[in-house]
C-alpha atoms as a PDB file:
ATOM      1  CA  MET A   1     -22.542 -24.204   0.315  1.00  0.00           C
ATOM      2  CA  LYS A   2     -22.784 -28.004   0.526  1.00  0.00           C
ATOM      3  CA  PRO A   3     -20.151 -30.272   2.115  1.00  0.00           C
ATOM      4  CA  ALA A   4     -17.451 -31.049  -0.438  1.00  0.00           C
ATOM      5  CA  PRO A   5     -13.745 -31.930  -0.676  1.00  0.00           C
ATOM      6  CA  VAL A   6     -11.382 -28.987  -0.190  1.00  0.00           C
ATOM      7  CA  ARG A   7     -10.066 -29.152  -3.739  1.00  0.00           C
ATOM      8  CA  GLU A   8     -13.564 -29.176  -5.171  1.00  0.00           C
ATOM      9  CA  ILE A   9     -14.502 -26.050  -3.225  1.00  0.00           C
ATOM     10  CA  ILE A  10     -11.303 -24.326  -4.334  1.00  0.00           C
ATOM     11  CA  ASN A  11     -11.937 -25.228  -7.975  1.00  0.00           C
ATOM     12  CA  ARG A  12     -15.553 -24.056  -7.800  1.00  0.00           C
ATOM     13  CA  ILE A  13     -14.586 -20.674  -6.341  1.00  0.00           C
ATOM     14  CA  ALA A  14     -11.564 -20.308  -8.628  1.00  0.00           C
ATOM     15  CA  THR A  15     -13.593 -20.967 -11.770  1.00  0.00           C
ATOM     16  CA  SER A  16     -16.232 -18.406 -10.845  1.00  0.00           C
ATOM     17  CA  LEU A  17     -13.730 -15.720  -9.873  1.00  0.00           C
ATOM     18  CA  GLY A  18     -11.543 -16.445 -12.889  1.00  0.00           C
ATOM     19  CA  GLU A  19     -14.487 -15.625 -15.127  1.00  0.00           C
ATOM     20  CA  LEU A  20     -15.291 -12.514 -13.108  1.00  0.00           C
ATOM     21  CA  TYR A  21     -11.691 -11.246 -13.259  1.00  0.00           C
ATOM     22  CA  SER A  22     -11.080 -12.502 -16.809  1.00  0.00           C
ATOM     23  CA  ASP A  23      -7.991 -14.114 -15.322  1.00  0.00           C
ATOM     24  CA  GLN A  24      -8.090 -17.750 -14.228  1.00  0.00           C
ATOM     25  CA  ALA A  25      -4.740 -17.569 -12.447  1.00  0.00           C
ATOM     26  CA  GLU A  26      -5.883 -14.638 -10.313  1.00  0.00           C
ATOM     27  CA  GLY A  27      -9.180 -16.377  -9.599  1.00  0.00           C
ATOM     28  CA  LYS A  28      -7.338 -19.439  -8.318  1.00  0.00           C
ATOM     29  CA  ALA A  29      -4.927 -17.350  -6.224  1.00  0.00           C
ATOM     30  CA  VAL A  30      -7.818 -15.547  -4.520  1.00  0.00           C
ATOM     31  CA  ALA A  31      -9.689 -18.823  -3.955  1.00  0.00           C
ATOM     32  CA  GLU A  32      -6.619 -20.342  -2.321  1.00  0.00           C
ATOM     33  CA  LEU A  33      -6.095 -17.263  -0.155  1.00  0.00           C
ATOM     34  CA  LEU A  34      -9.699 -17.415   1.015  1.00  0.00           C
ATOM     35  CA  MET A  35      -9.448 -21.091   1.886  1.00  0.00           C
ATOM     36  CA  MET A  36      -6.065 -20.750   3.596  1.00  0.00           C
ATOM     37  CA  ASN A  37      -7.552 -18.066   5.809  1.00  0.00           C
ATOM     38  CA  GLN A  38     -10.689 -20.068   6.619  1.00  0.00           C
ATOM     39  CA  LEU A  39      -8.814 -23.296   7.333  1.00  0.00           C
ATOM     40  CA  LYS A  40      -5.860 -21.594   9.067  1.00  0.00           C
ATOM     41  CA  THR A  41      -3.243 -23.306   6.943  1.00  0.00           C
ATOM     42  CA  THR A  42      -0.594 -22.662   4.319  1.00  0.00           C
ATOM     43  CA  ARG A  43      -0.956 -23.258   0.586  1.00  0.00           C
ATOM     44  CA  ALA A  44       0.936 -26.528   0.924  1.00  0.00           C
ATOM     45  CA  GLY A  45      -1.251 -27.510   3.853  1.00  0.00           C
ATOM     46  CA  LEU A  46      -4.344 -26.605   1.888  1.00  0.00           C
ATOM     47  CA  TYR A  47      -3.725 -29.313  -0.678  1.00  0.00           C
ATOM     48  CA  GLY A  48      -2.564 -31.804   1.920  1.00  0.00           C
ATOM     49  CA  ILE A  49      -5.732 -31.638   4.017  1.00  0.00           C
ATOM     50  CA  GLY A  50      -7.935 -33.802   1.813  1.00  0.00           C
ATOM     51  CA  GLY A  51     -11.387 -34.974   2.782  1.00  0.00           C
ATOM     52  CA  GLU A  52     -14.603 -32.998   2.926  1.00  0.00           C
ATOM     53  CA  ILE A  53     -15.444 -29.856   4.819  1.00  0.00           C
ATOM     54  CA  ASN A  54     -18.563 -30.742   6.777  1.00  0.00           C
ATOM     55  CA  ASP A  55     -18.590 -28.067   9.468  1.00  0.00           C
ATOM     56  CA  PRO A  56     -21.718 -25.950   8.730  1.00  0.00           C
ATOM     57  CA  VAL A  57     -20.201 -22.844  10.345  1.00  0.00           C
ATOM     58  CA  ALA A  58     -17.053 -23.095   8.220  1.00  0.00           C
ATOM     59  CA  LEU A  59     -19.093 -23.706   5.069  1.00  0.00           C
ATOM     60  CA  GLN A  60     -21.306 -20.701   5.811  1.00  0.00           C
ATOM     61  CA  ASN A  61     -18.282 -18.470   6.387  1.00  0.00           C
ATOM     62  CA  ILE A  62     -16.777 -19.584   3.102  1.00  0.00           C
ATOM     63  CA  GLN A  63     -20.078 -18.986   1.328  1.00  0.00           C
ATOM     64  CA  ASN A  64     -20.453 -15.498   2.813  1.00  0.00           C
ATOM     65  CA  CYS A  65     -16.952 -14.522   1.725  1.00  0.00           C
ATOM     66  CA  PHE A  66     -17.488 -16.030  -1.711  1.00  0.00           C
ATOM     67  CA  LEU A  67     -20.643 -13.977  -2.220  1.00  0.00           C
ATOM     68  CA  ARG A  68     -18.760 -10.784  -1.374  1.00  0.00           C
ATOM     69  CA  LEU A  69     -15.989 -11.711  -3.792  1.00  0.00           C
ATOM     70  CA  GLN A  70     -18.578 -12.299  -6.504  1.00  0.00           C
ATOM     71  CA  GLN A  71     -19.627  -8.678  -6.002  1.00  0.00           C
ATOM     72  CA  ASN A  72     -16.046  -7.738  -6.945  1.00  0.00           C
ATOM     73  CA  GLU A  73     -15.088  -6.762  -3.406  1.00  0.00           C
ATOM     74  CA  PRO A  74     -11.300  -7.048  -2.926  1.00  0.00           C
ATOM     75  CA  ILE A  75     -10.127 -10.129  -1.043  1.00  0.00           C
ATOM     76  CA  GLN A  76      -8.224  -7.876   1.391  1.00  0.00           C
ATOM     77  CA  TYR A  77     -11.439  -6.197   2.544  1.00  0.00           C
ATOM     78  CA  VAL A  78     -13.274  -9.520   2.701  1.00  0.00           C
ATOM     79  CA  LEU A  79     -10.607 -11.046   4.941  1.00  0.00           C
ATOM     80  CA  GLU A  80      -9.711  -7.721   6.608  1.00  0.00           C
ATOM     81  CA  LYS A  81      -6.085  -8.618   5.934  1.00  0.00           C
ATOM     82  CA  ALA A  82      -3.349  -7.385   3.625  1.00  0.00           C
ATOM     83  CA  TRP A  83       0.262  -8.431   3.237  1.00  0.00           C
ATOM     84  CA  PHE A  84       3.169  -6.029   2.793  1.00  0.00           C
ATOM     85  CA  CYS A  85       6.936  -6.540   3.098  1.00  0.00           C
ATOM     86  CA  GLY A  86       6.347  -9.838   4.855  1.00  0.00           C
ATOM     87  CA  LEU A  87       3.971  -8.285   7.383  1.00  0.00           C
ATOM     88  CA  GLU A  88       0.335  -9.248   7.883  1.00  0.00           C
ATOM     89  CA  LEU A  89      -1.660  -6.034   8.262  1.00  0.00           C
ATOM     90  CA  LYS A  90      -5.276  -5.304   9.004  1.00  0.00           C
ATOM     91  CA  ALA A  91      -7.198  -3.914   6.028  1.00  0.00           C
ATOM     92  CA  LEU A  92     -10.452  -1.986   6.271  1.00  0.00           C
ATOM     93  CA  LYS A  93     -12.759  -0.285   3.797  1.00  0.00           C
ATOM     94  CA  GLY A  94     -12.006   3.397   3.612  1.00  0.00           C
ATOM     95  CA  VAL A  95      -8.235   2.854   3.661  1.00  0.00           C
ATOM     96  CA  LEU A  96      -6.203   2.055   0.541  1.00  0.00           C
ATOM     97  CA  ILE A  97      -5.014  -1.526   0.079  1.00  0.00           C
ATOM     98  CA  PRO A  98      -1.173  -1.796  -0.001  1.00  0.00           C
ATOM     99  CA  ARG A  99       0.268  -2.573  -3.458  1.00  0.00           C
ATOM    100  CA  PRO A 100       3.240  -4.751  -4.501  1.00  0.00           C
ATOM    101  CA  GLU A 101       4.764  -1.766  -6.327  1.00  0.00           C
ATOM    102  CA  THR A 102       4.959   0.118  -3.058  1.00  0.00           C
ATOM    103  CA  GLU A 103       7.036  -2.706  -1.597  1.00  0.00           C
ATOM    104  CA  GLU A 104       9.588  -1.875  -4.294  1.00  0.00           C
ATOM    105  CA  LEU A 105       9.642   1.725  -3.078  1.00  0.00           C
ATOM    106  CA  VAL A 106      10.437   0.509   0.438  1.00  0.00           C
ATOM    107  CA  ASP A 107      13.138  -1.785  -0.956  1.00  0.00           C
ATOM    108  CA  TRP A 108      14.771   1.166  -2.725  1.00  0.00           C
ATOM    109  CA  VAL A 109      14.748   3.373   0.360  1.00  0.00           C
ATOM    110  CA  VAL A 110      16.204   0.584   2.497  1.00  0.00           C
ATOM    111  CA  GLU A 111      18.860  -0.075  -0.128  1.00  0.00           C
ATOM    112  CA  LYS A 112      19.931   3.570  -0.074  1.00  0.00           C
ATOM    113  CA  HIS A 113      19.818   4.243   3.675  1.00  0.00           C
ATOM    114  CA  PHE A 114      20.263   0.961   5.560  1.00  0.00           C
ATOM    115  CA  ASP A 115      23.811   1.758   6.702  1.00  0.00           C
ATOM    116  CA  GLU A 116      22.805   5.120   8.199  1.00  0.00           C
ATOM    117  CA  GLN A 117      19.507   4.153   9.830  1.00  0.00           C
ATOM    118  CA  GLU A 118      20.683   5.176  13.303  1.00  0.00           C
ATOM    119  CA  ASN A 119      20.913   8.784  12.118  1.00  0.00           C
ATOM    120  CA  ILE A 120      17.663   9.084  10.152  1.00  0.00           C
ATOM    121  CA  ASP A 121      14.104  10.257  10.746  1.00  0.00           C
ATOM    122  CA  PHE A 122      11.717   8.801   8.173  1.00  0.00           C
ATOM    123  CA  LEU A 123       8.390  10.494   7.525  1.00  0.00           C
ATOM    124  CA  ASP A 124       5.729   8.601   5.551  1.00  0.00           C
ATOM    125  CA  ILE A 125       3.213  11.128   4.207  1.00  0.00           C
ATOM    126  CA  GLY A 126      -0.251   9.785   3.392  1.00  0.00           C
ATOM    127  CA  THR A 127       0.465   6.664   5.405  1.00  0.00           C
ATOM    128  CA  GLY A 128      -2.956   4.989   4.989  1.00  0.00           C
ATOM    129  CA  SER A 129      -2.673   1.540   6.556  1.00  0.00           C
ATOM    130  CA  GLY A 130       0.826   2.464   7.695  1.00  0.00           C
ATOM    131  CA  CYS A 131       2.389   0.030   5.253  1.00  0.00           C
ATOM    132  CA  ILE A 132       5.375   2.151   4.170  1.00  0.00           C
ATOM    133  CA  ALA A 133       6.217   3.252   7.705  1.00  0.00           C
ATOM    134  CA  LEU A 134       5.855  -0.316   8.971  1.00  0.00           C
ATOM    135  CA  GLY A 135       7.897  -1.723   6.097  1.00  0.00           C
ATOM    136  CA  LEU A 136      10.711   0.726   6.801  1.00  0.00           C
ATOM    137  CA  LYS A 137      10.675   0.069  10.550  1.00  0.00           C
ATOM    138  CA  SER A 138      10.714  -3.698  10.046  1.00  0.00           C
ATOM    139  CA  ARG A 139      13.833  -3.435   7.876  1.00  0.00           C
ATOM    140  CA  MET A 140      15.566  -0.570   9.688  1.00  0.00           C
ATOM    141  CA  PRO A 141      14.666  -0.926  13.372  1.00  0.00           C
ATOM    142  CA  GLU A 142      17.189   1.707  14.511  1.00  0.00           C
ATOM    143  CA  ALA A 143      15.576   4.455  12.464  1.00  0.00           C
ATOM    144  CA  GLN A 144      12.962   6.809  13.859  1.00  0.00           C
ATOM    145  CA  VAL A 145       9.783   6.509  11.792  1.00  0.00           C
ATOM    146  CA  SER A 146       6.673   8.688  11.654  1.00  0.00           C
ATOM    147  CA  GLY A 147       3.502   8.262   9.629  1.00  0.00           C
ATOM    148  CA  MET A 148       1.146  11.083   8.699  1.00  0.00           C
ATOM    149  CA  ASP A 149      -2.355  11.145   7.238  1.00  0.00           C
ATOM    150  CA  VAL A 150      -5.322  13.499   7.073  1.00  0.00           C
ATOM    151  CA  SER A 151      -7.728  10.629   7.790  1.00  0.00           C
ATOM    152  CA  GLU A 152      -8.477   9.747  11.404  1.00  0.00           C
ATOM    153  CA  GLU A 153      -9.643   6.317  10.226  1.00  0.00           C
ATOM    154  CA  ALA A 154      -6.309   5.711   8.515  1.00  0.00           C
ATOM    155  CA  ILE A 155      -4.273   6.809  11.531  1.00  0.00           C
ATOM    156  CA  ASP A 156      -6.297   4.536  13.819  1.00  0.00           C
ATOM    157  CA  LEU A 157      -5.711   1.591  11.468  1.00  0.00           C
ATOM    158  CA  ALA A 158      -1.996   2.360  11.101  1.00  0.00           C
ATOM    159  CA  ARG A 159      -1.623   2.545  14.873  1.00  0.00           C
ATOM    160  CA  GLU A 160      -3.427  -0.781  15.262  1.00  0.00           C
ATOM    161  CA  ASN A 161      -1.127  -2.368  12.674  1.00  0.00           C
ATOM    162  CA  ALA A 162       1.957  -0.992  14.422  1.00  0.00           C
ATOM    163  CA  ASP A 163       0.767  -2.379  17.767  1.00  0.00           C
ATOM    164  CA  HIS A 164       0.135  -5.764  16.149  1.00  0.00           C
ATOM    165  CA  CYS A 165       3.646  -5.794  14.677  1.00  0.00           C
ATOM    166  CA  GLY A 166       5.231  -4.503  17.883  1.00  0.00           C
ATOM    167  CA  PHE A 167       6.757  -1.411  16.246  1.00  0.00           C
ATOM    168  CA  ASP A 168       7.258   1.974  17.888  1.00  0.00           C
ATOM    169  CA  ILE A 169       6.126   4.525  15.291  1.00  0.00           C
ATOM    170  CA  HIS A 170       4.941   8.100  15.783  1.00  0.00           C
ATOM    171  CA  TRP A 171       1.557   8.714  14.117  1.00  0.00           C
ATOM    172  CA  LEU A 172       0.342  12.187  13.156  1.00  0.00           C
ATOM    173  CA  LYS A 173      -3.077  13.283  11.947  1.00  0.00           C
ATOM    174  CA  GLN A 174      -2.307  16.327   9.863  1.00  0.00           C
ATOM    175  CA  ASP A 175      -3.538  18.032   6.710  1.00  0.00           C
ATOM    176  CA  LEU A 176      -0.747  18.459   4.201  1.00  0.00           C
ATOM    177  CA  PHE A 177      -2.392  21.634   2.882  1.00  0.00           C
ATOM    178  CA  ALA A 178      -3.051  23.278   6.243  1.00  0.00           C
ATOM    179  CA  ASP A 179      -1.556  26.725   6.757  1.00  0.00           C
ATOM    180  CA  ASP A 180      -0.183  25.660  10.140  1.00  0.00           C
ATOM    181  CA  PHE A 181       1.467  22.448   8.874  1.00  0.00           C
ATOM    182  CA  LYS A 182       4.498  21.546  10.976  1.00  0.00           C
ATOM    183  CA  PHE A 183       6.949  18.675  11.275  1.00  0.00           C
ATOM    184  CA  GLN A 184      10.211  18.850  13.158  1.00  0.00           C
ATOM    185  CA  SER A 185      13.067  16.387  12.945  1.00  0.00           C
ATOM    186  CA  SER A 186      16.070  16.043  15.215  1.00  0.00           C
ATOM    187  CA  ARG A 187      18.051  13.909  12.769  1.00  0.00           C
ATOM    188  CA  LYS A 188      18.602  13.638   9.022  1.00  0.00           C
ATOM    189  CA  LEU A 189      15.124  13.724   7.470  1.00  0.00           C
ATOM    190  CA  VAL A 190      14.047  11.390   4.679  1.00  0.00           C
ATOM    191  CA  VAL A 191      10.483  11.774   3.413  1.00  0.00           C
ATOM    192  CA  VAL A 192       8.689   8.896   1.658  1.00  0.00           C
ATOM    193  CA  SER A 193       5.260   9.203   0.094  1.00  0.00           C
ATOM    194  CA  ASN A 194       2.818   7.366  -2.140  1.00  0.00           C
ATOM    195  CA  PRO A 195       0.285  10.176  -2.660  1.00  0.00           C
ATOM    196  CA  PRO A 196      -2.834  10.076  -4.849  1.00  0.00           C
ATOM    197  CA  TYR A 197      -1.570   9.977  -8.434  1.00  0.00           C
ATOM    198  CA  VAL A 198      -4.053   8.134 -10.642  1.00  0.00           C
ATOM    199  CA  LEU A 199      -5.589  10.598 -13.113  1.00  0.00           C
ATOM    200  CA  GLU A 200      -9.356  10.870 -12.885  1.00  0.00           C
ATOM    201  CA  SER A 201      -9.552  10.090 -16.600  1.00  0.00           C
ATOM    202  CA  GLU A 202      -7.864   6.720 -15.969  1.00  0.00           C
ATOM    203  CA  SER A 203     -10.699   5.531 -13.722  1.00  0.00           C
ATOM    204  CA  LYS A 204     -12.803   4.503 -16.735  1.00  0.00           C
ATOM    205  CA  GLY A 205     -10.394   1.691 -17.557  1.00  0.00           C
ATOM    206  CA  MET A 206      -9.921   0.431 -14.004  1.00  0.00           C
ATOM    207  CA  ALA A 207     -11.503  -2.628 -12.413  1.00  0.00           C
ATOM    208  CA  SER A 208     -14.594  -2.042 -10.323  1.00  0.00           C
ATOM    209  CA  ARG A 209     -12.805  -3.774  -7.445  1.00  0.00           C
ATOM    210  CA  VAL A 210     -10.790  -0.561  -7.232  1.00  0.00           C
ATOM    211  CA  THR A 211     -13.254   2.132  -8.267  1.00  0.00           C
ATOM    212  CA  SER A 212     -16.235   0.780  -6.327  1.00  0.00           C
ATOM    213  CA  PHE A 213     -14.519  -0.159  -3.077  1.00  0.00           C
ATOM    214  CA  GLU A 214     -11.259   1.715  -2.481  1.00  0.00           C
ATOM    215  CA  PRO A 215     -11.214   5.363  -1.283  1.00  0.00           C
ATOM    216  CA  HIS A 216     -11.082   7.772  -4.221  1.00  0.00           C
ATOM    217  CA  LEU A 217      -9.410  10.424  -2.066  1.00  0.00           C
ATOM    218  CA  ALA A 218      -6.366   8.173  -1.674  1.00  0.00           C
ATOM    219  CA  LEU A 219      -6.248   7.185  -5.347  1.00  0.00           C
ATOM    220  CA  PHE A 220      -7.220   9.934  -7.743  1.00  0.00           C
ATOM    221  CA  VAL A 221      -5.980  13.384  -8.666  1.00  0.00           C
ATOM    222  CA  ALA A 222      -7.400  15.853 -11.160  1.00  0.00           C
ATOM    223  CA  ASP A 223      -6.005  15.647 -14.682  1.00  0.00           C
ATOM    224  CA  SER A 224      -5.541  19.409 -14.558  1.00  0.00           C
ATOM    225  CA  ASP A 225      -3.023  19.211 -11.682  1.00  0.00           C
ATOM    226  CA  PRO A 226      -1.420  15.742 -11.490  1.00  0.00           C
ATOM    227  CA  LEU A 227       1.548  16.975  -9.418  1.00  0.00           C
ATOM    228  CA  LEU A 228      -0.565  18.650  -6.735  1.00  0.00           C
ATOM    229  CA  TYR A 229       0.605  16.528  -3.803  1.00  0.00           C
ATOM    230  CA  TYR A 230       4.217  16.233  -4.966  1.00  0.00           C
ATOM    231  CA  ARG A 231       4.570  19.967  -5.395  1.00  0.00           C
ATOM    232  CA  ARG A 232       3.170  20.633  -1.929  1.00  0.00           C
ATOM    233  CA  ILE A 233       5.486  18.109  -0.265  1.00  0.00           C
ATOM    234  CA  LEU A 234       8.514  19.578  -2.019  1.00  0.00           C
ATOM    235  CA  GLU A 235       7.488  23.091  -1.002  1.00  0.00           C
ATOM    236  CA  LEU A 236       7.140  22.062   2.643  1.00  0.00           C
ATOM    237  CA  PHE A 237      10.360  20.058   2.876  1.00  0.00           C
ATOM    238  CA  SER A 238      12.694  21.740   0.379  1.00  0.00           C
ATOM    239  CA  HIS A 239      14.784  23.191   3.238  1.00  0.00           C
ATOM    240  CA  THR A 240      14.606  20.330   5.740  1.00  0.00           C
ATOM    241  CA  ALA A 241      14.599  16.980   3.900  1.00  0.00           C
ATOM    242  CA  SER A 242      17.838  15.516   2.590  1.00  0.00           C
ATOM    243  CA  PHE A 243      15.966  12.989   0.441  1.00  0.00           C
ATOM    244  CA  ILE A 244      12.367  12.656  -0.709  1.00  0.00           C
ATOM    245  CA  TYR A 245      11.113   9.444  -2.318  1.00  0.00           C
ATOM    246  CA  PHE A 246       7.864   9.190  -4.236  1.00  0.00           C
ATOM    247  CA  GLU A 247       5.767   6.579  -5.952  1.00  0.00           C
ATOM    248  CA  ILE A 248       4.529   8.221  -9.152  1.00  0.00           C
ATOM    249  CA  ASN A 249       2.298   7.848 -12.190  1.00  0.00           C
ATOM    250  CA  PRO A 250       4.466   6.765 -15.151  1.00  0.00           C
ATOM    251  CA  LEU A 251       2.329   8.961 -17.417  1.00  0.00           C
ATOM    252  CA  VAL A 252       3.792  12.120 -15.874  1.00  0.00           C
ATOM    253  CA  ALA A 253       7.266  10.834 -14.941  1.00  0.00           C
ATOM    254  CA  ASP A 254       9.144  13.351 -17.079  1.00  0.00           C
ATOM    255  CA  SER A 255       7.467  16.274 -15.295  1.00  0.00           C
ATOM    256  CA  PHE A 256       9.443  15.637 -12.123  1.00  0.00           C
ATOM    257  CA  PHE A 257      12.771  16.821 -13.488  1.00  0.00           C
ATOM    258  CA  GLU A 258      11.513  20.376 -13.962  1.00  0.00           C
ATOM    259  CA  LEU A 259       9.875  20.271 -10.541  1.00  0.00           C
ATOM    260  CA  ALA A 260      13.132  19.115  -8.934  1.00  0.00           C
ATOM    261  CA  GLU A 261      15.135  21.902 -10.532  1.00  0.00           C
ATOM    262  CA  LYS A 262      12.690  24.506  -9.260  1.00  0.00           C
ATOM    263  CA  GLU A 263      12.979  23.257  -5.659  1.00  0.00           C
ATOM    264  CA  GLN A 264      16.776  22.693  -5.781  1.00  0.00           C
ATOM    265  CA  PHE A 265      16.747  18.926  -5.792  1.00  0.00           C
ATOM    266  CA  ARG A 266      18.527  16.413  -8.009  1.00  0.00           C
ATOM    267  CA  CYS A 267      16.041  13.959  -9.487  1.00  0.00           C
ATOM    268  CA  ILE A 268      16.390  10.366 -10.647  1.00  0.00           C
ATOM    269  CA  THR A 269      13.634   7.906 -11.591  1.00  0.00           C
ATOM    270  CA  ARG A 270      13.437   4.150 -11.109  1.00  0.00           C
ATOM    271  CA  GLU A 271      11.353   1.544 -12.913  1.00  0.00           C
ATOM    272  CA  ASP A 272       9.019  -0.973 -11.273  1.00  0.00           C
ATOM    273  CA  PHE A 273       9.025  -4.705 -11.978  1.00  0.00           C
ATOM    274  CA  CYS A 274       6.962  -4.081 -15.134  1.00  0.00           C
ATOM    275  CA  GLY A 275       9.510  -1.654 -16.561  1.00  0.00           C
ATOM    276  CA  ARG A 276       7.471   1.499 -15.913  1.00  0.00           C
ATOM    277  CA  LYS A 277       8.904   4.661 -14.369  1.00  0.00           C
ATOM    278  CA  ARG A 278       7.184   4.270 -11.022  1.00  0.00           C
ATOM    279  CA  PHE A 279       9.478   5.878  -8.448  1.00  0.00           C
ATOM    280  CA  VAL A 280      11.494   9.039  -8.099  1.00  0.00           C
ATOM    281  CA  GLU A 281      14.217  10.169  -5.714  1.00  0.00           C
ATOM    282  CA  PHE A 282      14.754  13.842  -4.933  1.00  0.00           C
ATOM    283  CA  ARG A 283      18.127  14.558  -3.356  1.00  0.00           C
ATOM    284  CA  SER A 284      18.701  17.956  -1.822  1.00  0.00           C
ATOM    285  CA  LEU A 285      21.510  19.957  -3.424  1.00  0.00           C
ATOM    286  CA  THR A 286      22.059  21.859  -0.190  1.00  0.00           C
ATOM    287  CA  LEU A 287      21.578  19.315   2.635  1.00  0.00           C
ATOM    288  CA  THR A 288      23.571  16.288   1.367  1.00  0.00           C
END
């Protein structure tokens, strides 16, 4: 990449990515994020810098990142950074990138339980990068928070993110489907989970940035059993959890009411910012 004014470099990257994504606004947003990271500045600072970038090392770094983005690699993996609930987290290939919708799940849980945080144990099942557990701890510091995942890589990343944020969270590597599964709580237990819920048949219409780079194990579930993870979590915690919150696939939202009745929970759904049924709350009929 040749020396050029900051705005020219941004426009060049934004135009290319806009064509790749079929979305010029997204292309520009990613270009700005890349440049803010490389130049260690804010968006406002980015456009106030002016002048050319002449540093060959900086230009090469920008070029290397740009080439990866042109291969449809997500910006979070390129920068090894993701943002969630106002926190800057480390992102690595092999671990799911946090989504804006999941921030809404955290907002809902905080809204419902903020005033009783001193009496609650939160368990985030399928924690991945740790984003839900970290989001809850950042907003409810008096609560006890645990994060669980079957992936050693995910637990290591979640622990690193917690250390970076300065949060005391208990991390557990455990298989949800293991016969010897155990979790004990000394206070009121609230389970939160964003399990794999994208139907395998939906993958055909998804961007290659997702299907080619993000872990399928954390994303997809067989069309023949879309409630696999939800059913297992309800079975395990039907007698110990006062509340269970899920992020769900809107395509199967109505199926949760029957599932709740079977496990003696009251069920309500909540829409995301796009108006889709994206979240569900299970409230125990015996423990609350």
